Every structure is written in C-alpha cells, then in structure tokens.
Amino acid sequence: HDFHGVINTEDIVYGYCTEMMVRFGKNKK
C-alpha cells in the first residue's frame, strides 16, 4: 500500500484490499 506513486485517489484502479480464508468443505467444488 505504498501510495506515493499515486497522484490522485481516483488513480487507484482496484480500490478494496480484500482478504478471505476458506475452509474446504464436502460436496463443494
């Protein structure tokens, strides 16, 4: 998240830092 190369907030193409953990389940893909 080094923003110093970003001049404007609107220059951020993908705006949401997203994390998830998934526990594999039976009868799932």
Full PDB file with SEQRES, HELIX, SHEET, SSBOND, CRYST1, ORIGX, SCALE, CONECT and MASTER records, all heavy atoms in Angstrom:
SEQRES   1 A   29  HIS ASP PHE HIS GLY VAL ILE ASN THR GLU ASP ILE VAL          
SEQRES   2 A   29  TYR GLY TYR CYS THR GLU MET MET VAL ARG PHE GLY LYS          
SEQRES   3 A   29  ASN LYS LYS                                                  
HELIX    1 AA1 PHE A    3  GLY A    5  5                                   3    
HELIX    2 AA2 THR A    9  ASP A   11  5                                   3    
CRYST1    1.000    1.000    1.000  90.00  90.00  90.00 P 1           1          
ORIGX1      1.000000  0.000000  0.000000        0.00000                         
ORIGX2      0.000000  1.000000  0.000000        0.00000                         
ORIGX3      0.000000  0.000000  1.000000        0.00000                         
SCALE1      1.000000  0.000000  0.000000        0.00000                         
SCALE2      0.000000  1.000000  0.000000        0.00000                         
SCALE3      0.000000  0.000000  1.000000        0.00000                         
ATOM      1  N   HIS A   1       0.830  -1.212   0.000  1.00  0.00           N  
ATOM      2  CA  HIS A   1       0.000   0.000   0.000  1.00  0.00           C  
ATOM      3  C   HIS A   1       0.863   1.260   0.000  1.00  0.00           C  
ATOM      4  O   HIS A   1       0.629   2.187   0.755  1.00  0.00           O  
ATOM      5  CB  HIS A   1      -0.953   0.021   1.203  1.00  0.00           C  
ATOM      6  CG  HIS A   1      -1.981  -1.052   1.146  1.00  0.00           C  
ATOM      7  ND1 HIS A   1      -3.054  -1.077   1.988  1.00  0.00           N  
ATOM      8  CD2 HIS A   1      -2.104  -2.137   0.337  1.00  0.00           C  
ATOM      9  CE1 HIS A   1      -3.797  -2.132   1.707  1.00  0.00           C  
ATOM     10  NE2 HIS A   1      -3.235  -2.795   0.719  1.00  0.00           N  
ATOM     11  N   ASP A   2       1.903   1.263  -0.830  1.00  0.00           N  
ATOM     12  CA  ASP A   2       2.737   2.457  -0.964  1.00  0.00           C  
ATOM     13  C   ASP A   2       2.047   3.405  -1.937  1.00  0.00           C  
ATOM     14  O   ASP A   2       2.065   3.199  -3.135  1.00  0.00           O  
ATOM     15  CB  ASP A   2       4.124   2.060  -1.490  1.00  0.00           C  
ATOM     16  CG  ASP A   2       5.073   3.237  -1.581  1.00  0.00           C  
ATOM     17  OD1 ASP A   2       4.670   4.343  -1.172  1.00  0.00           O  
ATOM     18  OD2 ASP A   2       6.199   3.041  -2.055  1.00  0.00           O  
ATOM     19  N   PHE A   3       1.422   4.462  -1.410  1.00  0.00           N  
ATOM     20  CA  PHE A   3       0.608   5.353  -2.223  1.00  0.00           C  
ATOM     21  C   PHE A   3       1.402   6.494  -2.850  1.00  0.00           C  
ATOM     22  O   PHE A   3       0.824   7.322  -3.536  1.00  0.00           O  
ATOM     23  CB  PHE A   3      -0.519   5.960  -1.371  1.00  0.00           C  
ATOM     24  CG  PHE A   3      -1.503   4.953  -0.870  1.00  0.00           C  
ATOM     25  CD1 PHE A   3      -1.728   4.807   0.492  1.00  0.00           C  
ATOM     26  CD2 PHE A   3      -2.201   4.151  -1.747  1.00  0.00           C  
ATOM     27  CE1 PHE A   3      -2.659   3.900   0.957  1.00  0.00           C  
ATOM     28  CE2 PHE A   3      -3.135   3.239  -1.305  1.00  0.00           C  
ATOM     29  CZ  PHE A   3      -3.361   3.111   0.055  1.00  0.00           C  
ATOM     30  N   HIS A   4       2.715   6.561  -2.613  1.00  0.00           N  
ATOM     31  CA  HIS A   4       3.441   7.761  -3.015  1.00  0.00           C  
ATOM     32  C   HIS A   4       3.520   7.919  -4.529  1.00  0.00           C  
ATOM     33  O   HIS A   4       3.748   8.997  -5.031  1.00  0.00           O  
ATOM     34  CB  HIS A   4       4.836   7.763  -2.393  1.00  0.00           C  
ATOM     35  CG  HIS A   4       4.790   7.908  -0.900  1.00  0.00           C  
ATOM     36  ND1 HIS A   4       4.445   9.079  -0.282  1.00  0.00           N  
ATOM     37  CD2 HIS A   4       5.016   7.015   0.098  1.00  0.00           C  
ATOM     38  CE1 HIS A   4       4.472   8.930   1.036  1.00  0.00           C  
ATOM     39  NE2 HIS A   4       4.804   7.681   1.286  1.00  0.00           N  
ATOM     40  N   GLY A   5       3.343   6.809  -5.268  1.00  0.00           N  
ATOM     41  CA  GLY A   5       3.338   6.910  -6.722  1.00  0.00           C  
ATOM     42  C   GLY A   5       1.976   7.295  -7.265  1.00  0.00           C  
ATOM     43  O   GLY A   5       1.803   7.505  -8.456  1.00  0.00           O  
ATOM     44  N   VAL A   6       0.970   7.371  -6.381  1.00  0.00           N  
ATOM     45  CA  VAL A   6      -0.380   7.708  -6.798  1.00  0.00           C  
ATOM     46  C   VAL A   6      -0.610   9.201  -6.582  1.00  0.00           C  
ATOM     47  O   VAL A   6      -0.509   9.708  -5.474  1.00  0.00           O  
ATOM     48  CB  VAL A   6      -1.421   6.894  -5.999  1.00  0.00           C  
ATOM     49  CG1 VAL A   6      -2.821   7.273  -6.443  1.00  0.00           C  
ATOM     50  CG2 VAL A   6      -1.173   5.398  -6.177  1.00  0.00           C  
ATOM     51  N   ILE A   7      -0.926   9.911  -7.654  1.00  0.00           N  
ATOM     52  CA  ILE A   7      -1.128  11.356  -7.563  1.00  0.00           C  
ATOM     53  C   ILE A   7      -2.523  11.660  -7.027  1.00  0.00           C  
ATOM     54  O   ILE A   7      -2.702  12.476  -6.132  1.00  0.00           O  
ATOM     55  CB  ILE A   7      -0.923  12.013  -8.938  1.00  0.00           C  
ATOM     56  CG1 ILE A   7       0.513  11.772  -9.424  1.00  0.00           C  
ATOM     57  CG2 ILE A   7      -1.205  13.496  -8.875  1.00  0.00           C  
ATOM     58  CD1 ILE A   7       0.787  12.268 -10.817  1.00  0.00           C  
ATOM     59  N   ASN A   8      -3.532  11.021  -7.595  1.00  0.00           N  
ATOM     60  CA  ASN A   8      -4.913  11.264  -7.208  1.00  0.00           C  
ATOM     61  C   ASN A   8      -5.547   9.985  -6.682  1.00  0.00           C  
ATOM     62  O   ASN A   8      -5.219   8.886  -7.143  1.00  0.00           O  
ATOM     63  CB  ASN A   8      -5.721  11.780  -8.403  1.00  0.00           C  
ATOM     64  CG  ASN A   8      -5.175  13.088  -8.949  1.00  0.00           C  
ATOM     65  OD1 ASN A   8      -4.992  14.045  -8.204  1.00  0.00           O  
ATOM     66  ND2 ASN A   8      -4.904  13.125 -10.244  1.00  0.00           N  
ATOM     67  N   THR A   9      -6.463  10.146  -5.750  1.00  0.00           N  
ATOM     68  CA  THR A   9      -7.171   8.984  -5.217  1.00  0.00           C  
ATOM     69  C   THR A   9      -7.859   8.217  -6.338  1.00  0.00           C  
ATOM     70  O   THR A   9      -7.904   6.980  -6.322  1.00  0.00           O  
ATOM     71  CB  THR A   9      -8.222   9.434  -4.179  1.00  0.00           C  
ATOM     72  OG1 THR A   9      -7.554  10.136  -3.128  1.00  0.00           O  
ATOM     73  CG2 THR A   9      -8.956   8.239  -3.589  1.00  0.00           C  
ATOM     74  N   GLU A  10      -8.362   8.933  -7.331  1.00  0.00           N  
ATOM     75  CA  GLU A  10      -9.080   8.297  -8.432  1.00  0.00           C  
ATOM     76  C   GLU A  10      -8.167   7.428  -9.297  1.00  0.00           C  
ATOM     77  O   GLU A  10      -8.641   6.616 -10.093  1.00  0.00           O  
ATOM     78  CB  GLU A  10      -9.739   9.363  -9.312  1.00  0.00           C  
ATOM     79  CG  GLU A  10     -10.885  10.127  -8.630  1.00  0.00           C  
ATOM     80  CD  GLU A  10     -10.384  11.073  -7.545  1.00  0.00           C  
ATOM     81  OE1 GLU A  10      -9.200  11.487  -7.616  1.00  0.00           O  
ATOM     82  OE2 GLU A  10     -11.169  11.410  -6.644  1.00  0.00           O  
ATOM     83  N   ASP A  11      -6.831   7.590  -9.142  1.00  0.00           N  
ATOM     84  CA  ASP A  11      -5.901   6.790  -9.934  1.00  0.00           C  
ATOM     85  C   ASP A  11      -5.818   5.346  -9.453  1.00  0.00           C  
ATOM     86  O   ASP A  11      -5.274   4.489 -10.151  1.00  0.00           O  
ATOM     87  CB  ASP A  11      -4.489   7.413  -9.884  1.00  0.00           C  
ATOM     88  CG  ASP A  11      -4.437   8.750 -10.601  1.00  0.00           C  
ATOM     89  OD1 ASP A  11      -5.309   8.981 -11.461  1.00  0.00           O  
ATOM     90  OD2 ASP A  11      -3.541   9.548 -10.303  1.00  0.00           O  
ATOM     91  N   ILE A  12      -6.339   5.070  -8.269  1.00  0.00           N  
ATOM     92  CA  ILE A  12      -6.330   3.697  -7.749  1.00  0.00           C  
ATOM     93  C   ILE A  12      -7.357   2.887  -8.527  1.00  0.00           C  
ATOM     94  O   ILE A  12      -8.557   3.145  -8.450  1.00  0.00           O  
ATOM     95  CB  ILE A  12      -6.655   3.674  -6.236  1.00  0.00           C  
ATOM     96  CG1 ILE A  12      -5.602   4.491  -5.464  1.00  0.00           C  
ATOM     97  CG2 ILE A  12      -6.719   2.251  -5.716  1.00  0.00           C  
ATOM     98  CD1 ILE A  12      -5.905   4.625  -3.986  1.00  0.00           C  
ATOM     99  N   VAL A  13      -6.892   1.909  -9.280  1.00  0.00           N  
ATOM    100  CA  VAL A  13      -7.771   1.140 -10.168  1.00  0.00           C  
ATOM    101  C   VAL A  13      -8.651   0.187  -9.380  1.00  0.00           C  
ATOM    102  O   VAL A  13      -9.864   0.107  -9.601  1.00  0.00           O  
ATOM    103  CB  VAL A  13      -6.937   0.353 -11.202  1.00  0.00           C  
ATOM    104  CG1 VAL A  13      -7.863  -0.471 -12.101  1.00  0.00           C  
ATOM    105  CG2 VAL A  13      -6.094   1.311 -12.045  1.00  0.00           C  
ATOM    106  N   TYR A  14      -8.039  -0.570  -8.465  1.00  0.00           N  
ATOM    107  CA  TYR A  14      -8.785  -1.516  -7.638  1.00  0.00           C  
ATOM    108  C   TYR A  14      -8.770  -1.004  -6.197  1.00  0.00           C  
ATOM    109  O   TYR A  14      -7.734  -1.006  -5.541  1.00  0.00           O  
ATOM    110  CB  TYR A  14      -8.178  -2.907  -7.736  1.00  0.00           C  
ATOM    111  CG  TYR A  14      -8.212  -3.481  -9.144  1.00  0.00           C  
ATOM    112  CD1 TYR A  14      -7.047  -3.582  -9.910  1.00  0.00           C  
ATOM    113  CD2 TYR A  14      -9.418  -3.904  -9.698  1.00  0.00           C  
ATOM    114  CE1 TYR A  14      -7.096  -4.096 -11.197  1.00  0.00           C  
ATOM    115  CE2 TYR A  14      -9.464  -4.415 -10.990  1.00  0.00           C  
ATOM    116  CZ  TYR A  14      -8.301  -4.513 -11.732  1.00  0.00           C  
ATOM    117  OH  TYR A  14      -8.354  -5.021 -13.013  1.00  0.00           O  
ATOM    118  N   GLY A  15      -9.940  -0.578  -5.723  1.00  0.00           N  
ATOM    119  CA  GLY A  15      -9.984   0.216  -4.506  1.00  0.00           C  
ATOM    120  C   GLY A  15     -10.129  -0.522  -3.199  1.00  0.00           C  
ATOM    121  O   GLY A  15     -10.011   0.090  -2.141  1.00  0.00           O  
ATOM    122  N   TYR A  16     -10.380  -1.846  -3.234  1.00  0.00           N  
ATOM    123  CA  TYR A  16     -10.645  -2.557  -1.987  1.00  0.00           C  
ATOM    124  C   TYR A  16      -9.618  -3.670  -1.758  1.00  0.00           C  
ATOM    125  O   TYR A  16      -9.514  -4.614  -2.544  1.00  0.00           O  
ATOM    126  CB  TYR A  16     -12.057  -3.149  -1.999  1.00  0.00           C  
ATOM    127  CG  TYR A  16     -13.131  -2.099  -2.109  1.00  0.00           C  
ATOM    128  CD1 TYR A  16     -13.652  -1.745  -3.348  1.00  0.00           C  
ATOM    129  CD2 TYR A  16     -13.605  -1.438  -0.978  1.00  0.00           C  
ATOM    130  CE1 TYR A  16     -14.626  -0.759  -3.457  1.00  0.00           C  
ATOM    131  CE2 TYR A  16     -14.578  -0.457  -1.079  1.00  0.00           C  
ATOM    132  CZ  TYR A  16     -15.082  -0.124  -2.321  1.00  0.00           C  
ATOM    133  OH  TYR A  16     -16.032   0.855  -2.423  1.00  0.00           O  
ATOM    134  N   CYS A  17      -8.864  -3.522  -0.664  1.00  0.00           N  
ATOM    135  CA  CYS A  17      -7.934  -4.575  -0.244  1.00  0.00           C  
ATOM    136  C   CYS A  17      -8.784  -5.660   0.417  1.00  0.00           C  
ATOM    137  O   CYS A  17      -9.381  -5.439   1.470  1.00  0.00           O  
ATOM    138  CB  CYS A  17      -6.904  -4.016   0.737  1.00  0.00           C  
ATOM    139  SG  CYS A  17      -5.776  -5.270   1.384  1.00  0.00           S  
ATOM    140  N   THR A  18      -8.837  -6.818  -0.205  1.00  0.00           N  
ATOM    141  CA  THR A  18      -9.771  -7.871   0.203  1.00  0.00           C  
ATOM    142  C   THR A  18      -9.014  -9.140   0.586  1.00  0.00           C  
ATOM    143  O   THR A  18      -8.138  -9.599  -0.154  1.00  0.00           O  
ATOM    144  CB  THR A  18     -10.747  -8.183  -0.952  1.00  0.00           C  
ATOM    145  OG1 THR A  18     -11.410  -6.977  -1.340  1.00  0.00           O  
ATOM    146  CG2 THR A  18     -11.765  -9.226  -0.550  1.00  0.00           C  
ATOM    147  N   GLU A  19      -9.371  -9.687   1.742  1.00  0.00           N  
ATOM    148  CA  GLU A  19      -8.762 -10.936   2.199  1.00  0.00           C  
ATOM    149  C   GLU A  19      -9.852 -11.902   2.648  1.00  0.00           C  
ATOM    150  O   GLU A  19     -10.876 -11.479   3.198  1.00  0.00           O  
ATOM    151  CB  GLU A  19      -7.798 -10.685   3.364  1.00  0.00           C  
ATOM    152  CG  GLU A  19      -6.587  -9.856   2.980  1.00  0.00           C  
ATOM    153  CD  GLU A  19      -5.623  -9.660   4.138  1.00  0.00           C  
ATOM    154  OE1 GLU A  19      -5.845 -10.275   5.204  1.00  0.00           O  
ATOM    155  OE2 GLU A  19      -4.665  -8.887   3.976  1.00  0.00           O  
ATOM    156  N   MET A  20      -9.612 -13.188   2.417  1.00  0.00           N  
ATOM    157  CA  MET A  20     -10.537 -14.201   2.921  1.00  0.00           C  
ATOM    158  C   MET A  20      -9.798 -15.505   3.173  1.00  0.00           C  
ATOM    159  O   MET A  20      -8.753 -15.765   2.566  1.00  0.00           O  
ATOM    160  CB  MET A  20     -11.687 -14.450   1.938  1.00  0.00           C  
ATOM    161  CG  MET A  20     -11.290 -15.153   0.654  1.00  0.00           C  
ATOM    162  SD  MET A  20     -12.739 -15.526  -0.378  1.00  0.00           S  
ATOM    163  CE  MET A  20     -11.915 -16.231  -1.830  1.00  0.00           C  
ATOM    164  N   MET A  21     -10.338 -16.282   4.086  1.00  0.00           N  
ATOM    165  CA  MET A  21      -9.881 -17.641   4.322  1.00  0.00           C  
ATOM    166  C   MET A  21     -11.069 -18.570   4.109  1.00  0.00           C  
ATOM    167  O   MET A  21     -12.174 -18.299   4.590  1.00  0.00           O  
ATOM    168  CB  MET A  21      -9.331 -17.800   5.741  1.00  0.00           C  
ATOM    169  CG  MET A  21      -8.008 -17.078   5.959  1.00  0.00           C  
ATOM    170  SD  MET A  21      -7.388 -17.260   7.658  1.00  0.00           S  
ATOM    171  CE  MET A  21      -7.031 -19.028   7.674  1.00  0.00           C  
ATOM    172  N   VAL A  22     -10.851 -19.648   3.356  1.00  0.00           N  
ATOM    173  CA  VAL A  22     -11.910 -20.602   3.050  1.00  0.00           C  
ATOM    174  C   VAL A  22     -11.494 -21.982   3.555  1.00  0.00           C  
ATOM    175  O   VAL A  22     -10.410 -22.467   3.221  1.00  0.00           O  
ATOM    176  CB  VAL A  22     -12.177 -20.677   1.536  1.00  0.00           C  
ATOM    177  CG1 VAL A  22     -13.323 -21.655   1.250  1.00  0.00           C  
ATOM    178  CG2 VAL A  22     -12.492 -19.303   0.965  1.00  0.00           C  
ATOM    179  N   ARG A  23     -12.353 -22.582   4.370  1.00  0.00           N  
ATOM    180  CA  ARG A  23     -12.126 -23.958   4.816  1.00  0.00           C  
ATOM    181  C   ARG A  23     -12.841 -24.883   3.850  1.00  0.00           C  
ATOM    182  O   ARG A  23     -14.056 -24.805   3.673  1.00  0.00           O  
ATOM    183  CB  ARG A  23     -12.648 -24.180   6.238  1.00  0.00           C  
ATOM    184  CG  ARG A  23     -12.417 -25.604   6.754  1.00  0.00           C  
ATOM    185  CD  ARG A  23     -13.057 -25.846   8.108  1.00  0.00           C  
ATOM    186  NE  ARG A  23     -12.398 -25.080   9.159  1.00  0.00           N  
ATOM    187  CZ  ARG A  23     -12.997 -24.153   9.892  1.00  0.00           C  
ATOM    188  NH1 ARG A  23     -14.270 -23.858   9.666  1.00  0.00           N  
ATOM    189  NH2 ARG A  23     -12.331 -23.503  10.831  1.00  0.00           N  
ATOM    190  N   PHE A  24     -12.095 -25.750   3.192  1.00  0.00           N  
ATOM    191  CA  PHE A  24     -12.667 -26.627   2.187  1.00  0.00           C  
ATOM    192  C   PHE A  24     -13.757 -27.504   2.789  1.00  0.00           C  
ATOM    193  O   PHE A  24     -13.611 -28.029   3.895  1.00  0.00           O  
ATOM    194  CB  PHE A  24     -11.595 -27.517   1.552  1.00  0.00           C  
ATOM    195  CG  PHE A  24     -10.471 -26.732   0.906  1.00  0.00           C  
ATOM    196  CD1 PHE A  24      -9.150 -27.082   1.107  1.00  0.00           C  
ATOM    197  CD2 PHE A  24     -10.760 -25.650   0.098  1.00  0.00           C  
ATOM    198  CE1 PHE A  24      -8.133 -26.367   0.517  1.00  0.00           C  
ATOM    199  CE2 PHE A  24      -9.746 -24.915  -0.504  1.00  0.00           C  
ATOM    200  CZ  PHE A  24      -8.423 -25.273  -0.290  1.00  0.00           C  
ATOM    201  N   GLY A  25     -14.861 -27.658   2.058  1.00  0.00           N  
ATOM    202  CA  GLY A  25     -15.984 -28.421   2.567  1.00  0.00           C  
ATOM    203  C   GLY A  25     -16.350 -29.582   1.673  1.00  0.00           C  
ATOM    204  O   GLY A  25     -16.001 -29.618   0.478  1.00  0.00           O  
ATOM    205  N   LYS A  26     -17.038 -30.542   2.258  1.00  0.00           N  
ATOM    206  CA  LYS A  26     -17.526 -31.691   1.490  1.00  0.00           C  
ATOM    207  C   LYS A  26     -18.642 -31.229   0.565  1.00  0.00           C  
ATOM    208  O   LYS A  26     -19.352 -30.265   0.832  1.00  0.00           O  
ATOM    209  CB  LYS A  26     -18.039 -32.767   2.439  1.00  0.00           C  
ATOM    210  CG  LYS A  26     -16.959 -33.369   3.328  1.00  0.00           C  
ATOM    211  CD  LYS A  26     -17.540 -34.417   4.262  1.00  0.00           C  
ATOM    212  CE  LYS A  26     -16.446 -35.000   5.158  1.00  0.00           C  
ATOM    213  NZ  LYS A  26     -16.987 -36.020   6.101  1.00  0.00           N  
ATOM    214  N   ASN A  27     -18.788 -31.955  -0.535  1.00  0.00           N  
ATOM    215  CA  ASN A  27     -19.825 -31.655  -1.526  1.00  0.00           C  
ATOM    216  C   ASN A  27     -19.665 -30.257  -2.111  1.00  0.00           C  
ATOM    217  O   ASN A  27     -20.636 -29.642  -2.557  1.00  0.00           O  
ATOM    218  CB  ASN A  27     -21.223 -31.798  -0.910  1.00  0.00           C  
ATOM    219  CG  ASN A  27     -21.470 -33.167  -0.321  1.00  0.00           C  
ATOM    220  OD1 ASN A  27     -21.052 -34.176  -0.898  1.00  0.00           O  
ATOM    221  ND2 ASN A  27     -22.130 -33.211   0.833  1.00  0.00           N  
ATOM    222  N   LYS A  28     -18.431 -29.741  -2.064  1.00  0.00           N  
ATOM    223  CA  LYS A  28     -18.125 -28.442  -2.665  1.00  0.00           C  
ATOM    224  C   LYS A  28     -17.191 -28.639  -3.861  1.00  0.00           C  
ATOM    225  O   LYS A  28     -16.698 -29.740  -4.113  1.00  0.00           O  
ATOM    226  CB  LYS A  28     -17.458 -27.529  -1.632  1.00  0.00           C  
ATOM    227  CG  LYS A  28     -18.390 -27.053  -0.526  1.00  0.00           C  
ATOM    228  CD  LYS A  28     -19.366 -26.006  -1.036  1.00  0.00           C  
ATOM    229  CE  LYS A  28     -20.184 -25.400   0.093  1.00  0.00           C  
ATOM    230  NZ  LYS A  28     -21.051 -24.306  -0.384  1.00  0.00           N  
ATOM    231  N   LYS A  29     -16.954 -27.580  -4.579  1.00  0.00           N  
ATOM    232  CA  LYS A  29     -16.084 -27.628  -5.747  1.00  0.00           C  
ATOM    233  C   LYS A  29     -14.687 -28.084  -5.359  1.00  0.00           C  
ATOM    234  O   LYS A  29     -14.125 -27.625  -4.363  1.00  0.00           O  
ATOM    235  CB  LYS A  29     -16.028 -26.238  -6.395  1.00  0.00           C  
ATOM    236  CG  LYS A  29     -15.309 -26.198  -7.730  1.00  0.00           C  
ATOM    237  CD  LYS A  29     -15.431 -24.803  -8.353  1.00  0.00           C  
ATOM    238  CE  LYS A  29     -14.716 -24.751  -9.707  1.00  0.00           C  
ATOM    239  NZ  LYS A  29     -14.869 -23.407 -10.331  1.00  0.00           N  
TER     240      LYS A  29                                                      
MASTER        0    0    0    2    0    0    0    6  239    1    0    3          
END                                                                             
